[in-house]
N, C-alpha and C. Protein backbone atom coordinates (compact mmCIF):
# COMPACT_ATOMS: atom_id res chain seq x y z
N MET A 1 66.91 -63.29 -102.08
CA MET A 1 68.18 -63.96 -101.28
C MET A 1 69.16 -62.72 -100.99
N ALA A 2 69.58 -62.08 -99.94
CA ALA A 2 71.03 -61.25 -100.04
C ALA A 2 71.97 -61.64 -100.41
N GLN A 3 72.26 -59.85 -101.38
CA GLN A 3 73.19 -60.31 -101.87
C GLN A 3 74.26 -59.73 -101.01
N PRO A 4 75.56 -60.44 -100.75
CA PRO A 4 77.04 -59.73 -100.25
C PRO A 4 77.60 -58.22 -100.99
N PHE A 5 77.67 -57.63 -99.54
CA PHE A 5 78.05 -55.52 -99.73
C PHE A 5 79.32 -55.74 -98.82
N THR A 6 79.62 -54.46 -99.18
CA THR A 6 80.50 -53.90 -98.61
C THR A 6 80.36 -52.31 -98.23
N ALA A 7 80.76 -51.70 -97.06
CA ALA A 7 80.57 -49.90 -97.17
C ALA A 7 82.21 -49.45 -97.49
N SER A 8 81.62 -48.76 -98.54
CA SER A 8 82.76 -48.24 -98.66
C SER A 8 82.87 -46.62 -97.71
N ALA A 9 84.55 -46.09 -98.41
CA ALA A 9 84.55 -45.24 -97.31
C ALA A 9 83.39 -44.00 -97.12
N ASP A 10 83.04 -43.81 -98.27
CA ASP A 10 81.74 -42.66 -98.40
C ASP A 10 80.46 -43.19 -97.72
N GLY A 11 80.26 -44.14 -97.65
CA GLY A 11 79.03 -45.15 -96.71
C GLY A 11 78.33 -45.77 -97.43
N ALA A 12 78.80 -45.91 -99.03
CA ALA A 12 77.59 -46.46 -99.97
C ALA A 12 78.28 -47.96 -99.32
N PHE A 13 76.87 -48.57 -100.15
CA PHE A 13 77.56 -50.20 -100.54
C PHE A 13 77.95 -50.59 -102.14
N ALA A 14 78.73 -51.70 -101.96
CA ALA A 14 79.32 -51.76 -103.47
C ALA A 14 79.20 -53.35 -103.52
N GLU A 15 78.93 -54.17 -104.39
CA GLU A 15 78.75 -55.34 -104.57
C GLU A 15 80.56 -55.98 -104.12
N ARG A 16 80.90 -57.34 -104.32
CA ARG A 16 82.38 -57.76 -104.05
C ARG A 16 82.85 -57.97 -105.74
N THR A 17 83.86 -57.38 -105.57
CA THR A 17 84.88 -57.14 -106.93
C THR A 17 84.78 -58.62 -106.87
N LYS A 18 84.90 -59.22 -107.92
CA LYS A 18 85.01 -60.30 -108.63
C LYS A 18 86.58 -60.58 -109.07
N THR A 19 86.81 -61.95 -108.80
CA THR A 19 88.13 -62.25 -109.61
C THR A 19 88.18 -62.32 -110.37
N ARG A 20 89.77 -62.56 -111.39
CA ARG A 20 89.61 -62.56 -112.89
C ARG A 20 88.76 -63.60 -113.30
N SER A 21 89.54 -64.96 -112.52
CA SER A 21 88.46 -65.87 -112.95
C SER A 21 87.00 -66.53 -113.07
N GLU A 22 86.51 -65.82 -112.10
CA GLU A 22 85.33 -65.36 -111.75
C GLU A 22 84.82 -64.66 -113.01
N LEU A 23 85.35 -63.18 -112.93
CA LEU A 23 84.86 -62.73 -114.61
C LEU A 23 85.10 -63.69 -115.64
N ARG A 24 86.01 -63.93 -116.21
CA ARG A 24 86.06 -64.96 -117.22
C ARG A 24 84.70 -65.65 -117.25
N ALA A 25 84.58 -66.14 -116.22
CA ALA A 25 83.63 -67.37 -116.47
C ALA A 25 82.10 -66.54 -116.83
N THR A 26 82.01 -65.49 -116.26
CA THR A 26 80.86 -64.82 -116.78
C THR A 26 79.90 -64.53 -118.01
N PRO A 27 78.80 -64.90 -119.15
CA PRO A 27 78.14 -64.99 -120.30
C PRO A 27 78.59 -64.32 -120.91
N ALA A 28 78.61 -62.41 -120.02
CA ALA A 28 78.67 -61.55 -121.10
C ALA A 28 80.05 -61.33 -121.14
N TYR A 29 81.29 -61.67 -120.04
CA TYR A 29 82.64 -61.39 -120.37
C TYR A 29 82.95 -62.18 -121.35
N GLN A 30 82.56 -63.37 -122.08
CA GLN A 30 82.32 -64.29 -122.52
C GLN A 30 82.01 -63.56 -124.41
N ALA A 31 80.99 -63.22 -123.60
CA ALA A 31 80.09 -62.41 -124.95
C ALA A 31 81.00 -61.63 -125.72
N TYR A 32 81.80 -60.54 -124.96
CA TYR A 32 82.44 -59.75 -125.13
C TYR A 32 83.77 -60.61 -125.94
N GLN A 33 84.84 -61.42 -125.20
CA GLN A 33 85.47 -61.64 -126.07
C GLN A 33 85.03 -62.36 -127.32
N ILE A 34 83.82 -62.87 -127.58
CA ILE A 34 83.53 -63.67 -129.11
C ILE A 34 83.81 -62.42 -129.98
N LEU A 35 82.80 -60.90 -130.02
CA LEU A 35 82.86 -60.08 -129.94
C LEU A 35 84.18 -59.63 -130.68
N HIS A 36 84.92 -59.26 -129.60
CA HIS A 36 85.95 -58.55 -129.96
C HIS A 36 86.89 -59.15 -130.89
N ALA A 37 87.15 -60.86 -130.84
CA ALA A 37 87.69 -61.79 -131.45
C ALA A 37 86.86 -61.45 -132.52
N ALA A 38 85.32 -61.82 -132.99
CA ALA A 38 84.68 -61.55 -134.55
C ALA A 38 85.59 -60.13 -135.00
N PHE A 39 85.29 -59.17 -134.13
CA PHE A 39 85.23 -57.46 -135.47
C PHE A 39 86.75 -57.02 -135.14
N VAL A 40 87.81 -58.08 -134.58
CA VAL A 40 89.35 -58.00 -135.22
C VAL A 40 89.87 -58.78 -136.34
N ILE A 41 89.35 -59.87 -136.10
CA ILE A 41 89.45 -60.67 -137.62
C ILE A 41 88.32 -60.67 -138.83
N ALA A 42 87.28 -60.27 -138.82
CA ALA A 42 86.84 -60.41 -140.04
C ALA A 42 86.78 -59.00 -140.46
N PRO A 43 87.23 -57.80 -139.85
CA PRO A 43 87.38 -57.01 -140.85
C PRO A 43 89.02 -56.65 -141.52
N ILE A 44 90.04 -57.14 -141.06
CA ILE A 44 90.77 -57.84 -141.07
C ILE A 44 91.09 -58.46 -142.58
N LEU A 45 90.51 -59.70 -142.48
CA LEU A 45 90.48 -60.67 -143.34
C LEU A 45 89.56 -59.75 -144.71
N ALA A 46 88.72 -59.90 -144.55
CA ALA A 46 87.88 -58.55 -145.82
C ALA A 46 88.52 -57.61 -146.36
N GLY A 47 89.81 -56.90 -145.48
CA GLY A 47 90.79 -55.51 -145.88
C GLY A 47 91.50 -56.40 -147.10
N ILE A 48 91.97 -57.32 -146.13
CA ILE A 48 92.91 -57.92 -146.81
C ILE A 48 92.85 -58.44 -148.46
N ASP A 49 91.28 -59.39 -148.22
CA ASP A 49 90.69 -60.06 -149.34
C ASP A 49 90.55 -58.79 -150.45
N LYS A 50 90.55 -57.89 -150.27
CA LYS A 50 89.85 -56.43 -151.25
C LYS A 50 91.39 -56.68 -152.31
N PHE A 51 92.49 -56.90 -151.93
CA PHE A 51 93.78 -56.74 -152.74
C PHE A 51 93.80 -58.43 -153.40
N LEU A 52 93.52 -59.33 -152.68
CA LEU A 52 93.92 -60.79 -153.08
C LEU A 52 92.73 -61.22 -154.18
N HIS A 53 91.15 -61.20 -153.36
CA HIS A 53 89.88 -61.66 -154.59
C HIS A 53 90.06 -62.91 -154.13
N LEU A 54 90.20 -63.75 -153.23
CA LEU A 54 90.01 -65.03 -152.48
C LEU A 54 88.53 -65.67 -152.43
N LEU A 55 88.04 -64.52 -151.28
CA LEU A 55 86.73 -64.90 -151.05
C LEU A 55 85.67 -64.47 -152.11
N THR A 56 86.12 -63.25 -153.08
CA THR A 56 84.65 -62.22 -154.15
C THR A 56 85.52 -61.54 -154.97
N ASN A 57 85.06 -60.86 -155.54
CA ASN A 57 85.37 -60.04 -156.55
C ASN A 57 85.02 -59.11 -155.71
N TRP A 58 85.36 -58.39 -154.86
CA TRP A 58 84.41 -57.01 -153.72
C TRP A 58 84.37 -55.72 -154.94
N ASP A 59 84.63 -55.79 -155.81
CA ASP A 59 84.23 -54.33 -156.81
C ASP A 59 82.84 -54.36 -157.47
N VAL A 60 82.31 -56.34 -157.23
CA VAL A 60 80.63 -55.92 -157.64
C VAL A 60 79.71 -54.69 -156.48
N TYR A 61 80.46 -55.21 -155.57
CA TYR A 61 79.71 -54.46 -154.44
C TYR A 61 79.92 -53.24 -154.20
N LEU A 62 80.24 -51.94 -155.51
CA LEU A 62 80.63 -51.36 -155.12
C LEU A 62 79.55 -49.90 -155.78
N ALA A 63 78.90 -49.14 -155.13
CA ALA A 63 77.34 -48.66 -156.36
C ALA A 63 78.16 -47.67 -157.09
N PRO A 64 77.91 -47.90 -158.40
CA PRO A 64 78.66 -46.77 -159.53
C PRO A 64 77.85 -45.69 -158.89
N ARG A 65 77.18 -45.46 -158.24
CA ARG A 65 77.07 -44.09 -158.04
C ARG A 65 78.15 -43.45 -156.69
N ILE A 66 78.31 -44.33 -156.01
CA ILE A 66 79.85 -44.07 -154.75
C ILE A 66 81.34 -44.44 -155.88
N ALA A 67 81.02 -44.87 -156.90
CA ALA A 67 82.45 -44.91 -157.70
C ALA A 67 82.27 -44.07 -158.83
N ASN A 68 81.45 -43.30 -158.89
CA ASN A 68 81.33 -41.86 -159.84
C ASN A 68 82.17 -40.64 -158.88
N LEU A 69 81.69 -40.99 -157.44
CA LEU A 69 82.70 -40.01 -156.66
C LEU A 69 84.01 -39.84 -156.17
N SER A 70 84.38 -40.83 -157.16
CA SER A 70 85.57 -41.44 -156.51
C SER A 70 86.89 -40.74 -157.63
N PRO A 71 87.58 -40.24 -157.81
CA PRO A 71 88.36 -39.73 -158.83
C PRO A 71 89.65 -40.41 -158.83
N ILE A 72 89.72 -41.53 -158.02
CA ILE A 72 90.91 -42.64 -158.02
C ILE A 72 90.22 -44.11 -159.22
N GLY A 73 88.68 -43.88 -159.29
CA GLY A 73 88.65 -44.91 -160.30
C GLY A 73 87.99 -46.28 -158.71
N GLY A 74 86.89 -47.21 -159.08
CA GLY A 74 86.19 -48.21 -158.39
C GLY A 74 87.79 -48.76 -157.62
N HIS A 75 87.92 -49.75 -158.55
CA HIS A 75 88.57 -50.54 -158.37
C HIS A 75 89.82 -50.02 -157.57
N GLU A 76 90.53 -49.07 -157.64
CA GLU A 76 91.66 -48.28 -156.13
C GLU A 76 90.43 -47.81 -155.17
N LEU A 77 89.04 -47.45 -154.96
CA LEU A 77 88.65 -47.60 -154.10
C LEU A 77 88.05 -48.29 -153.33
N MET A 78 88.13 -49.26 -154.07
CA MET A 78 87.96 -50.40 -153.09
C MET A 78 89.16 -50.89 -152.39
N LEU A 79 90.57 -50.78 -152.91
CA LEU A 79 91.46 -51.04 -152.76
C LEU A 79 91.99 -50.20 -151.16
N VAL A 80 91.79 -48.86 -151.34
CA VAL A 80 91.29 -48.41 -149.82
C VAL A 80 90.45 -48.27 -149.57
N VAL A 81 89.45 -49.18 -149.40
CA VAL A 81 88.22 -49.40 -148.26
C VAL A 81 89.09 -50.87 -148.00
N GLY A 82 89.77 -51.73 -148.78
CA GLY A 82 90.76 -52.72 -148.25
C GLY A 82 91.34 -52.07 -146.61
N VAL A 83 92.57 -50.91 -146.65
CA VAL A 83 93.33 -50.86 -145.66
C VAL A 83 92.07 -49.97 -145.12
N ILE A 84 91.52 -49.51 -145.21
CA ILE A 84 90.65 -48.63 -143.51
C ILE A 84 89.88 -49.89 -143.18
N GLU A 85 89.78 -50.92 -143.91
CA GLU A 85 88.97 -52.50 -143.04
C GLU A 85 90.01 -52.88 -142.09
N ILE A 86 91.23 -52.77 -142.81
CA ILE A 86 92.32 -53.44 -141.68
C ILE A 86 93.05 -52.68 -141.20
N LEU A 87 92.75 -51.59 -140.83
CA LEU A 87 92.55 -50.30 -140.00
C LEU A 87 91.96 -50.23 -138.56
N ALA A 88 90.32 -50.98 -139.05
CA ALA A 88 89.67 -50.55 -138.01
C ALA A 88 89.51 -51.85 -137.12
N GLY A 89 90.07 -53.52 -138.25
CA GLY A 89 90.34 -54.41 -137.15
C GLY A 89 91.11 -54.27 -135.95
N LEU A 90 92.24 -53.38 -136.41
CA LEU A 90 93.74 -53.13 -135.08
C LEU A 90 93.42 -52.21 -134.59
N LEU A 91 92.02 -51.53 -135.11
CA LEU A 91 91.94 -50.70 -133.78
C LEU A 91 90.57 -51.35 -133.22
N VAL A 92 90.05 -52.00 -133.08
CA VAL A 92 89.31 -53.14 -132.13
C VAL A 92 90.36 -53.92 -131.50
N ALA A 93 90.78 -54.12 -132.01
CA ALA A 93 91.87 -55.38 -131.54
C ALA A 93 92.83 -54.04 -130.28
N PHE A 94 93.03 -53.15 -130.00
CA PHE A 94 94.07 -52.39 -129.67
C PHE A 94 92.92 -51.73 -128.63
N ARG A 95 92.25 -50.77 -129.20
CA ARG A 95 90.99 -50.21 -128.43
C ARG A 95 89.39 -50.59 -128.72
N PRO A 96 89.06 -51.07 -128.13
CA PRO A 96 87.69 -51.13 -128.49
C PRO A 96 86.87 -51.04 -128.13
N ARG A 97 87.05 -50.04 -127.27
CA ARG A 97 85.43 -49.20 -126.62
C ARG A 97 85.70 -48.64 -128.04
N LEU A 98 86.37 -47.49 -128.96
CA LEU A 98 86.23 -46.91 -129.96
C LEU A 98 86.42 -47.23 -131.20
N GLY A 99 87.15 -48.47 -131.42
CA GLY A 99 87.22 -49.06 -132.57
C GLY A 99 85.61 -49.63 -132.83
N ALA A 100 84.74 -50.25 -132.17
CA ALA A 100 83.73 -50.86 -132.50
C ALA A 100 82.51 -50.30 -133.35
N TYR A 101 82.97 -48.94 -132.51
CA TYR A 101 81.85 -47.62 -132.81
C TYR A 101 82.42 -47.06 -134.37
N VAL A 102 83.82 -47.15 -134.51
CA VAL A 102 84.11 -46.65 -135.54
C VAL A 102 83.64 -48.51 -136.71
N VAL A 103 83.72 -49.50 -136.66
CA VAL A 103 83.88 -50.66 -137.00
C VAL A 103 81.90 -50.12 -137.32
N MET A 104 80.92 -50.20 -136.89
CA MET A 104 79.42 -49.75 -136.19
C MET A 104 79.61 -48.87 -137.85
N ALA A 105 80.22 -47.61 -137.58
CA ALA A 105 79.91 -46.34 -138.65
C ALA A 105 80.11 -46.74 -139.68
N TRP A 106 81.27 -47.74 -140.14
CA TRP A 106 81.81 -48.19 -141.30
C TRP A 106 80.47 -49.25 -142.20
N LEU A 107 80.10 -50.44 -141.00
CA LEU A 107 79.54 -50.86 -141.64
C LEU A 107 77.85 -50.14 -141.86
N LEU A 108 77.68 -49.12 -141.53
CA LEU A 108 76.33 -48.57 -141.02
C LEU A 108 76.89 -47.71 -143.17
N ALA A 109 78.02 -47.04 -143.29
CA ALA A 109 78.22 -46.64 -144.95
C ALA A 109 78.27 -47.58 -145.54
N ILE A 110 78.61 -48.74 -145.52
CA ILE A 110 78.33 -49.96 -145.94
C ILE A 110 76.98 -50.25 -146.15
N ILE A 111 76.29 -50.48 -145.81
CA ILE A 111 75.11 -50.50 -145.99
C ILE A 111 74.36 -49.53 -147.08
N VAL A 112 74.75 -48.08 -146.66
CA VAL A 112 73.88 -47.46 -147.74
C VAL A 112 74.05 -47.90 -149.00
N ASN A 113 75.85 -47.91 -149.22
CA ASN A 113 76.34 -48.29 -150.35
C ASN A 113 75.67 -49.33 -151.25
N LEU A 114 75.41 -51.04 -150.54
CA LEU A 114 74.71 -51.49 -150.90
C LEU A 114 72.97 -51.53 -151.27
N LEU A 115 72.45 -50.51 -150.38
CA LEU A 115 71.34 -50.17 -150.84
C LEU A 115 70.96 -49.31 -152.28
N LEU A 116 72.33 -48.80 -152.51
CA LEU A 116 72.19 -48.42 -153.84
C LEU A 116 72.04 -49.26 -154.95
N LEU A 117 72.27 -50.43 -154.87
CA LEU A 117 72.83 -51.27 -155.74
C LEU A 117 71.32 -52.09 -155.75
N PRO A 118 71.19 -52.74 -157.01
CA PRO A 118 69.83 -53.74 -156.69
C PRO A 118 70.08 -55.09 -156.95
N GLY A 119 69.57 -56.23 -156.10
CA GLY A 119 70.02 -56.86 -155.50
C GLY A 119 71.19 -57.66 -154.79
N PHE A 120 71.07 -56.22 -153.71
CA PHE A 120 72.38 -56.27 -152.60
C PHE A 120 71.07 -56.10 -151.30
N PHE A 121 70.20 -56.62 -151.62
CA PHE A 121 69.30 -56.03 -150.28
C PHE A 121 69.80 -56.94 -149.00
N ASP A 122 70.03 -58.31 -149.60
CA ASP A 122 70.19 -59.48 -148.56
C ASP A 122 71.70 -59.13 -147.62
N ILE A 123 72.64 -58.58 -148.40
CA ILE A 123 73.76 -58.39 -147.78
C ILE A 123 73.63 -57.05 -146.60
N ALA A 124 72.94 -56.20 -147.16
CA ALA A 124 72.97 -54.94 -146.58
C ALA A 124 72.32 -55.68 -145.24
N LEU A 125 71.06 -56.41 -145.15
CA LEU A 125 70.53 -56.94 -144.27
C LEU A 125 71.62 -57.48 -143.26
N ARG A 126 72.60 -58.28 -143.73
CA ARG A 126 73.49 -59.08 -142.97
C ARG A 126 74.46 -57.59 -142.48
N ASP A 127 74.71 -57.02 -142.77
CA ASP A 127 75.69 -55.85 -142.62
C ASP A 127 74.65 -55.53 -141.14
N PHE A 128 73.62 -55.00 -141.79
CA PHE A 128 72.96 -54.39 -140.26
C PHE A 128 72.95 -55.34 -139.22
N GLY A 129 73.13 -56.59 -138.80
CA GLY A 129 73.14 -57.30 -138.07
C GLY A 129 74.67 -57.48 -137.41
N LEU A 130 75.70 -57.34 -138.65
CA LEU A 130 76.64 -57.34 -138.09
C LEU A 130 76.61 -55.54 -137.41
N ALA A 131 76.39 -54.76 -137.77
CA ALA A 131 76.46 -53.23 -137.23
C ALA A 131 75.79 -53.50 -135.77
N LEU A 132 75.08 -54.12 -135.46
CA LEU A 132 74.34 -54.32 -134.00
C LEU A 132 75.47 -54.73 -133.46
N GLY A 133 75.83 -56.05 -133.95
CA GLY A 133 76.69 -56.63 -133.57
C GLY A 133 78.23 -55.51 -133.13
N ALA A 134 78.70 -54.86 -133.92
CA ALA A 134 79.41 -53.97 -133.11
C ALA A 134 79.05 -52.99 -132.58
N LEU A 135 77.57 -52.67 -132.46
CA LEU A 135 77.40 -51.44 -131.11
C LEU A 135 77.55 -52.75 -129.64
N ALA A 136 76.96 -53.75 -129.68
CA ALA A 136 76.91 -54.42 -128.78
C ALA A 136 78.50 -54.73 -127.85
N LEU A 137 79.62 -54.93 -128.74
CA LEU A 137 80.78 -54.70 -128.69
C LEU A 137 81.36 -53.54 -128.07
N GLY A 138 80.76 -52.36 -128.42
CA GLY A 138 81.20 -50.85 -128.35
C GLY A 138 80.46 -50.87 -126.86
N ARG A 139 79.18 -51.17 -126.28
CA ARG A 139 78.66 -51.72 -125.30
C ARG A 139 79.38 -52.28 -124.16
N LEU A 140 79.57 -53.50 -124.00
CA LEU A 140 80.27 -54.88 -123.27
C LEU A 140 81.82 -53.56 -123.16
N SER A 141 82.27 -53.49 -124.08
CA SER A 141 83.56 -53.27 -123.99
C SER A 141 83.85 -51.78 -123.11
N LYS A 142 82.62 -50.98 -122.56
CA LYS A 142 82.76 -50.05 -121.74
C LYS A 142 82.88 -50.48 -120.23
N GLN A 143 82.28 -52.38 -119.97
CA GLN A 143 82.83 -53.04 -118.94
C GLN A 143 84.19 -53.82 -118.92
N TYR A 144 84.62 -54.00 -120.02
CA TYR A 144 85.09 -55.26 -120.18
C TYR A 144 86.47 -54.74 -121.17
N GLY A 145 86.85 -53.95 -121.53
CA GLY A 145 87.41 -53.22 -122.80
C GLY A 145 88.52 -52.21 -122.45
N SER A 146 88.99 -51.54 -123.29
CA SER A 146 89.67 -50.32 -123.45
C SER A 146 89.57 -49.46 -123.93
């Protein structure tokens, strides 16, 4: 079936621009919105919980090799991690095109840390899936985000 098109001033053909409500009804935009919300909420909550320890004791997820590199100690390093995660979530909230890639890189660094710990390979695999989700958000934000 033929697609509707209009000729632009330079003679090229372009598809009809979708209205805002038509755009919101597309599965790709809805996927973008889901990923955007998830990568704002999850890093902020995880970052806050580095201070509260309501979900877990985050200190056990820090590899001793990494902790030994820190001049401030393991627990204090995890507090810095919490601040970074909160800032990353806020960056995704306001600049998803950049923030998604920052979160993806952060998750890859977390994976490296987890691979240095015996018994945390399952969590590293989960974080790899999250990194792929952040990559998908970054790609979708090129079309839908800022």
